[in-house]
Amino acid sequence: MKALIFGILIMVAAVFAATPFGLGWWNDVLIFLRGALPVIAVFIGIIAVFIGIADIKDKAEAKKEEAAGEKK
């Protein structure tokens, strides 16, 4: 329960910091997002490639097991 309340307080503080009537950090937030977005996109792409490779390997293994099961 304490973690939930703490999380909500942190989110409210972040929104307050970004708003013009708060600390006015919105321009800084946008600059950060513009810089971080390409890096995040690369990481998501790498993860997608690894998942795709694992899926291909799993399908190949399933076909081998299926073929071995039919021979018995």
Protein backbone atom coordinates (compact mmCIF):
# COMPACT_ATOMS: atom_id res chain seq x y z
CA MET A 1 0.00 0.00 0.00
CA LYS A 2 2.86 2.36 0.79
CA ALA A 3 4.41 1.68 -2.61
CA LEU A 4 1.11 2.49 -4.36
CA ILE A 5 0.75 5.80 -2.54
CA PHE A 6 4.41 6.65 -3.17
CA GLY A 7 4.00 5.85 -6.89
CA ILE A 8 0.93 8.06 -7.18
CA LEU A 9 2.73 10.91 -5.41
CA ILE A 10 5.72 10.61 -7.74
CA MET A 11 3.45 10.68 -10.82
CA VAL A 12 1.63 13.77 -9.52
CA ALA A 13 4.96 15.47 -8.83
CA ALA A 14 6.18 14.65 -12.35
CA VAL A 15 3.04 16.07 -13.95
CA PHE A 16 3.31 19.17 -11.76
CA ALA A 17 6.96 19.64 -12.76
CA ALA A 18 6.14 19.45 -16.48
CA THR A 19 3.18 21.83 -16.47
CA PRO A 20 3.59 25.56 -17.18
CA PHE A 21 2.04 26.56 -13.84
CA GLY A 22 4.35 24.13 -12.01
CA LEU A 23 8.09 24.08 -12.60
CA GLY A 24 7.73 24.52 -16.36
CA TRP A 25 9.97 21.64 -17.39
CA TRP A 26 7.90 20.73 -20.45
CA ASN A 27 10.52 21.94 -22.96
CA ASP A 28 13.20 19.92 -21.17
CA VAL A 29 10.93 16.86 -21.20
CA LEU A 30 10.43 17.24 -24.96
CA ILE A 31 14.16 17.56 -25.57
CA PHE A 32 14.76 14.40 -23.54
CA LEU A 33 12.06 12.49 -25.44
CA ARG A 34 13.43 13.60 -28.80
CA GLY A 35 16.87 12.32 -27.85
CA ALA A 36 15.74 9.11 -26.16
CA LEU A 37 13.20 7.99 -28.76
CA PRO A 38 15.70 6.75 -31.38
CA VAL A 39 17.66 4.86 -28.72
CA ILE A 40 14.49 3.24 -27.37
CA ALA A 41 13.45 2.32 -30.92
CA VAL A 42 16.79 0.57 -31.51
CA PHE A 43 16.42 -1.44 -28.30
CA ILE A 44 12.86 -2.43 -29.22
CA GLY A 45 14.10 -3.50 -32.66
CA ILE A 46 16.88 -5.62 -31.15
CA ILE A 47 14.43 -7.31 -28.80
CA ALA A 48 12.03 -8.00 -31.69
CA VAL A 49 14.84 -9.62 -33.70
CA PHE A 50 15.79 -11.86 -30.77
CA ILE A 51 12.14 -12.86 -30.28
CA GLY A 52 11.83 -13.63 -33.99
CA ILE A 53 14.95 -15.80 -33.97
CA ALA A 54 13.72 -17.68 -30.89
CA ASP A 55 10.34 -18.23 -32.54
CA ILE A 56 11.96 -19.66 -35.68
CA LYS A 57 14.09 -21.99 -33.54
CA ASP A 58 11.04 -23.11 -31.54
CA LYS A 59 9.08 -23.89 -34.70
CA ALA A 60 11.99 -25.87 -36.14
CA GLU A 61 12.31 -27.84 -32.89
CA ALA A 62 8.55 -28.53 -32.84
CA LYS A 63 8.72 -29.88 -36.40
CA LYS A 64 11.62 -32.16 -35.44
CA GLU A 65 9.72 -33.49 -32.42
CA GLU A 66 6.58 -33.99 -34.50
CA ALA A 67 8.53 -35.87 -37.16
CA ALA A 68 10.21 -38.02 -34.49
CA GLY A 69 6.82 -38.76 -32.91
CA GLU A 70 5.33 -39.92 -36.23
CA LYS A 71 8.20 -42.34 -36.88
CA LYS A 72 7.53 -44.25 -33.66
